[in-house]
Amino acid sequence: MSAAPAEIDWKRLDKFKFLYVGAGLFSGVTTCLYPLTVVKTQQMAVANAPRGLRGARQTAVAIVQADGFRGLYRGFGTSILGFVPARIVYLTTLESVKDAVATSCRARGRGPAETAATSSSVGGAVASLTTQAVMVPVDVVTQRLMVAGSSGMAAAAAGTQPGRLDPASLSISAKQRLNGLQMARKIVKAEGLVGLYRGFGLSVITFVPSSAVWWGCYGGDQKLLLEPPG
């Protein structure tokens, strides 16, 4: 039986390929899926937004009618500028913590599967916790940009048929259109710095344990499946 493939640890990893190629791939995926995020956010924020897949289609059509195709990419620049560095922080923290914890586990005589599961779980938890400090403010600003100009939709919807969106209610005037930095300043002015961290605690409670469980199971199961028996 062939030996299990050698694991490439953090010290031997080609960090340029790992970080920058990974960030590039992530940006490509984000670009493709971003319109769905805008539609979802509009459906959550707008009082009379139709529900379900049919509602999502109607919302997307209304956004395009109001602002053109670019309406589906509200806040995209802010999202990319924030999330790419955040992903680099996440991946760097994940691998460096995994390497440190794995070294400690091996020094204590832990088995390969236990070492992989423990180091991956701790790495995933610390990486997620660290990254929330960057991702939450970016997410807050991006979501505000997605629904900018939509705060009056409830009033605008008063004369529309229930379950249907008036494209005019989704339109953003030149005065309302803000970039990410302007939106961040507006939030800080109105709510203080804490306004950029709305939902931070909930994000930590949600993503830190899930990241720890996911990476822990992945690392441990991978080692069990690839390790030759006996």
Protein backbone atom coordinates (compact mmCIF):
# COMPACT_ATOMS: atom_id res chain seq x y z
CA MET A 1 0.00 0.00 0.00
CA SER A 2 1.38 3.41 -0.90
CA ALA A 3 2.34 5.75 1.91
CA ALA A 4 0.11 8.66 2.83
CA PRO A 5 1.05 11.89 1.05
CA ALA A 6 3.36 14.12 3.06
CA GLU A 7 1.64 17.05 4.70
CA ILE A 8 2.96 20.50 3.83
CA ASP A 9 3.14 22.52 7.05
CA TRP A 10 3.14 26.30 7.42
CA LYS A 11 6.94 26.60 7.32
CA ARG A 12 7.24 24.78 3.96
CA LEU A 13 4.12 26.29 2.41
CA ASP A 14 4.45 28.58 -0.62
CA LYS A 15 2.77 31.52 1.07
CA PHE A 16 2.52 33.65 -2.07
CA LYS A 17 0.46 31.03 -3.89
CA PHE A 18 -1.50 30.11 -0.78
CA LEU A 19 -2.50 33.67 0.13
CA TYR A 20 -2.68 35.62 -3.10
CA VAL A 21 -3.95 32.88 -5.40
CA GLY A 22 -6.45 31.92 -2.70
CA ALA A 23 -7.56 35.54 -2.33
CA GLY A 24 -7.92 35.80 -6.11
CA LEU A 25 -10.10 32.70 -6.27
CA PHE A 26 -12.21 33.99 -3.40
CA SER A 27 -12.65 37.33 -5.19
CA GLY A 28 -13.82 35.51 -8.31
CA VAL A 29 -16.40 33.50 -6.38
CA THR A 30 -17.56 36.65 -4.57
CA THR A 31 -17.98 38.49 -7.88
CA CYS A 32 -20.22 35.74 -9.23
CA LEU A 33 -22.37 35.38 -6.12
CA TYR A 34 -22.54 39.00 -4.96
CA PRO A 35 -25.83 39.85 -6.77
CA LEU A 36 -27.52 37.06 -4.80
CA THR A 37 -26.32 38.67 -1.57
CA VAL A 38 -27.73 42.04 -2.64
CA VAL A 39 -31.10 40.50 -3.50
CA LYS A 40 -31.19 38.58 -0.22
CA THR A 41 -30.34 41.70 1.79
CA GLN A 42 -33.03 43.72 0.01
CA GLN A 43 -35.59 41.00 0.73
CA MET A 44 -34.67 41.08 4.42
CA ALA A 45 -34.68 44.88 4.67
CA VAL A 46 -37.70 45.85 2.56
CA ALA A 47 -41.07 45.62 4.26
CA ASN A 48 -43.10 44.55 1.23
CA ALA A 49 -40.47 42.48 -0.57
CA PRO A 50 -41.99 39.30 -2.06
CA ARG A 51 -40.75 36.03 -0.61
CA GLY A 52 -39.29 32.83 -2.03
CA LEU A 53 -37.49 32.22 -5.31
CA ARG A 54 -40.16 34.04 -7.29
CA GLY A 55 -39.80 36.97 -4.94
CA ALA A 56 -36.02 36.93 -5.38
CA ARG A 57 -36.46 37.17 -9.14
CA GLN A 58 -38.92 40.06 -8.78
CA THR A 59 -36.55 41.86 -6.42
CA ALA A 60 -33.62 41.43 -8.82
CA VAL A 61 -35.71 42.73 -11.73
CA ALA A 62 -36.85 45.73 -9.66
CA ILE A 63 -33.24 46.58 -8.71
CA VAL A 64 -32.10 46.41 -12.34
CA GLN A 65 -35.06 48.54 -13.49
CA ALA A 66 -34.26 51.12 -10.82
CA ASP A 67 -30.48 51.38 -11.05
CA GLY A 68 -29.40 49.19 -13.93
CA PHE A 69 -27.15 46.17 -13.63
CA ARG A 70 -24.81 48.02 -11.28
CA GLY A 71 -27.60 48.03 -8.71
CA LEU A 72 -26.88 44.34 -8.18
CA TYR A 73 -23.34 45.29 -7.13
CA ARG A 74 -24.07 47.94 -4.53
CA GLY A 75 -21.21 47.96 -2.03
CA PHE A 76 -19.14 45.50 -4.06
CA GLY A 77 -15.95 47.58 -3.99
CA THR A 78 -16.12 47.95 -0.23
CA SER A 79 -16.79 44.23 0.15
CA ILE A 80 -13.79 43.19 -1.95
CA LEU A 81 -11.42 45.76 -0.41
CA GLY A 82 -12.38 44.54 3.04
CA PHE A 83 -12.89 40.82 2.62
CA VAL A 84 -9.72 40.06 0.63
CA PRO A 85 -7.45 41.27 3.47
CA ALA A 86 -9.78 39.53 5.92
CA ARG A 87 -9.35 36.22 4.08
CA ILE A 88 -5.58 36.67 4.12
CA VAL A 89 -5.74 37.25 7.89
CA TYR A 90 -7.97 34.19 8.25
CA LEU A 91 -5.75 31.85 6.25
CA THR A 92 -2.52 33.13 7.83
CA THR A 93 -3.90 32.78 11.35
CA LEU A 94 -5.40 29.36 10.61
CA GLU A 95 -2.19 27.81 9.29
CA SER A 96 0.20 29.45 11.76
CA VAL A 97 -1.92 28.45 14.78
CA LYS A 98 -2.38 24.93 13.38
CA ASP A 99 1.39 24.57 13.05
CA ALA A 100 2.05 25.82 16.61
CA VAL A 101 -0.64 23.62 18.19
CA ALA A 102 0.44 20.56 16.16
CA THR A 103 4.03 21.01 17.35
CA SER A 104 2.79 21.17 20.94
CA CYS A 105 0.60 18.08 20.50
CA ARG A 106 3.42 16.02 18.99
CA ALA A 107 5.71 17.05 21.88
CA ARG A 108 3.11 15.61 24.26
CA GLY A 109 2.99 12.32 22.36
CA ARG A 110 -0.45 12.74 20.81
CA GLY A 111 -1.39 10.53 17.87
CA PRO A 112 -1.56 11.85 14.29
CA ALA A 113 -5.36 11.96 14.10
CA GLU A 114 -5.73 13.62 17.50
CA THR A 115 -3.00 16.11 16.64
CA ALA A 116 -4.62 16.98 13.30
CA ALA A 117 -8.10 17.34 14.81
CA THR A 118 -6.94 19.44 17.77
CA SER A 119 -4.64 21.74 15.79
CA SER A 120 -7.22 22.26 13.04
CA SER A 121 -10.01 22.96 15.53
CA VAL A 122 -8.00 25.49 17.54
CA GLY A 123 -6.66 27.08 14.36
CA GLY A 124 -10.15 27.44 12.91
CA ALA A 125 -11.53 28.99 16.11
CA VAL A 126 -8.69 31.51 16.52
CA ALA A 127 -8.73 32.40 12.81
CA SER A 128 -12.47 33.03 12.86
CA LEU A 129 -12.28 35.11 16.06
CA THR A 130 -9.44 37.23 14.68
CA THR A 131 -11.11 37.77 11.33
CA GLN A 132 -14.41 38.97 12.80
CA ALA A 133 -12.66 42.17 13.90
CA VAL A 134 -12.14 42.98 10.20
CA MET A 135 -15.18 41.34 8.61
CA VAL A 136 -17.94 42.70 10.84
CA PRO A 137 -17.33 46.43 10.10
CA VAL A 138 -16.97 45.64 6.39
CA ASP A 139 -20.19 43.63 6.47
CA VAL A 140 -22.06 46.40 8.31
CA VAL A 141 -20.95 49.06 5.82
CA THR A 142 -21.60 46.82 2.81
CA GLN A 143 -25.12 45.93 3.92
CA ARG A 144 -25.93 49.59 4.56
CA LEU A 145 -24.75 50.37 1.02
CA MET A 146 -26.88 47.54 -0.38
CA VAL A 147 -30.07 49.01 1.06
CA ALA A 148 -29.11 52.70 0.77
CA GLY A 149 -32.02 54.64 -0.68
CA SER A 150 -34.41 51.91 0.38
CA SER A 151 -35.27 53.30 3.80
CA GLY A 152 -38.41 54.88 2.38
CA MET A 153 -39.62 51.73 0.70
CA ALA A 154 -42.32 51.06 3.25
CA ALA A 155 -43.92 54.41 2.45
CA ALA A 156 -43.33 54.00 -1.24
CA ALA A 157 -44.95 50.59 -1.10
CA ALA A 158 -48.20 52.01 0.29
CA GLY A 159 -49.53 52.54 -3.21
CA THR A 160 -48.21 49.29 -4.64
CA GLN A 161 -49.81 45.91 -4.83
CA PRO A 162 -48.85 43.65 -1.88
CA GLY A 163 -46.01 41.32 -2.75
CA ARG A 164 -44.73 43.54 -5.55
CA LEU A 165 -41.91 46.08 -5.56
CA ASP A 166 -42.05 49.48 -7.18
CA PRO A 167 -38.69 49.93 -8.97
CA ALA A 168 -38.80 53.65 -8.17
CA SER A 169 -38.65 52.83 -4.47
CA LEU A 170 -35.32 51.06 -5.01
CA SER A 171 -33.66 53.87 -6.92
CA ILE A 172 -30.74 55.74 -5.33
CA SER A 173 -30.37 59.41 -6.15
CA ALA A 174 -26.97 61.01 -6.67
CA LYS A 175 -27.34 62.69 -3.26
CA GLN A 176 -28.04 59.36 -1.55
CA ARG A 177 -25.25 57.45 -3.29
CA LEU A 178 -22.30 57.01 -0.92
CA ASN A 179 -19.04 55.13 -1.12
CA GLY A 180 -17.82 52.80 1.60
CA LEU A 181 -15.73 55.41 3.43
CA GLN A 182 -18.55 57.94 3.41
CA MET A 183 -20.98 55.33 4.74
CA ALA A 184 -18.54 54.31 7.49
CA ARG A 185 -18.15 57.95 8.55
CA LYS A 186 -21.92 58.38 8.54
CA ILE A 187 -22.35 55.34 10.79
CA VAL A 188 -19.63 56.48 13.22
CA LYS A 189 -21.09 59.99 13.36
CA ALA A 190 -24.58 58.68 14.13
CA GLU A 191 -23.78 55.70 16.36
CA GLY A 192 -20.13 55.97 17.35
CA LEU A 193 -17.47 53.37 16.61
CA VAL A 194 -19.69 50.71 18.17
CA GLY A 195 -22.04 51.16 15.20
CA LEU A 196 -19.49 49.46 12.96
CA TYR A 197 -19.57 46.41 15.23
CA ARG A 198 -23.30 45.77 15.30
CA GLY A 199 -23.79 42.03 15.59
CA PHE A 200 -20.14 41.36 16.48
CA GLY A 201 -21.03 39.20 19.48
CA LEU A 202 -23.55 37.16 17.51
CA SER A 203 -21.04 36.71 14.69
CA VAL A 204 -18.45 35.39 17.15
CA ILE A 205 -20.98 33.03 18.76
CA THR A 206 -22.03 31.77 15.32
CA PHE A 207 -18.80 31.50 13.35
CA VAL A 208 -16.11 30.67 15.93
CA PRO A 209 -17.66 27.35 17.07
CA SER A 210 -18.71 26.39 13.54
CA SER A 211 -15.20 27.08 12.22
CA ALA A 212 -13.68 25.06 15.06
CA VAL A 213 -15.98 22.08 14.43
CA TRP A 214 -15.59 22.19 10.65
CA TRP A 215 -11.79 22.38 10.63
CA GLY A 216 -11.48 19.92 13.50
CA CYS A 217 -13.58 17.30 11.72
CA TYR A 218 -11.83 17.96 8.42
CA GLY A 219 -8.34 17.65 9.87
CA GLY A 220 -9.06 14.60 11.99
CA ASP A 221 -11.04 12.70 9.37
CA GLN A 222 -8.49 13.49 6.68
CA LYS A 223 -5.71 12.02 8.80
CA LEU A 224 -7.77 8.91 9.64
CA LEU A 225 -8.64 8.29 5.98
CA LEU A 226 -5.14 8.90 4.60
CA GLU A 227 -3.13 7.24 7.37
CA PRO A 228 -2.23 3.63 6.44
CA PRO A 229 -3.66 1.09 8.95
CA GLY A 230 -1.24 -0.54 11.38
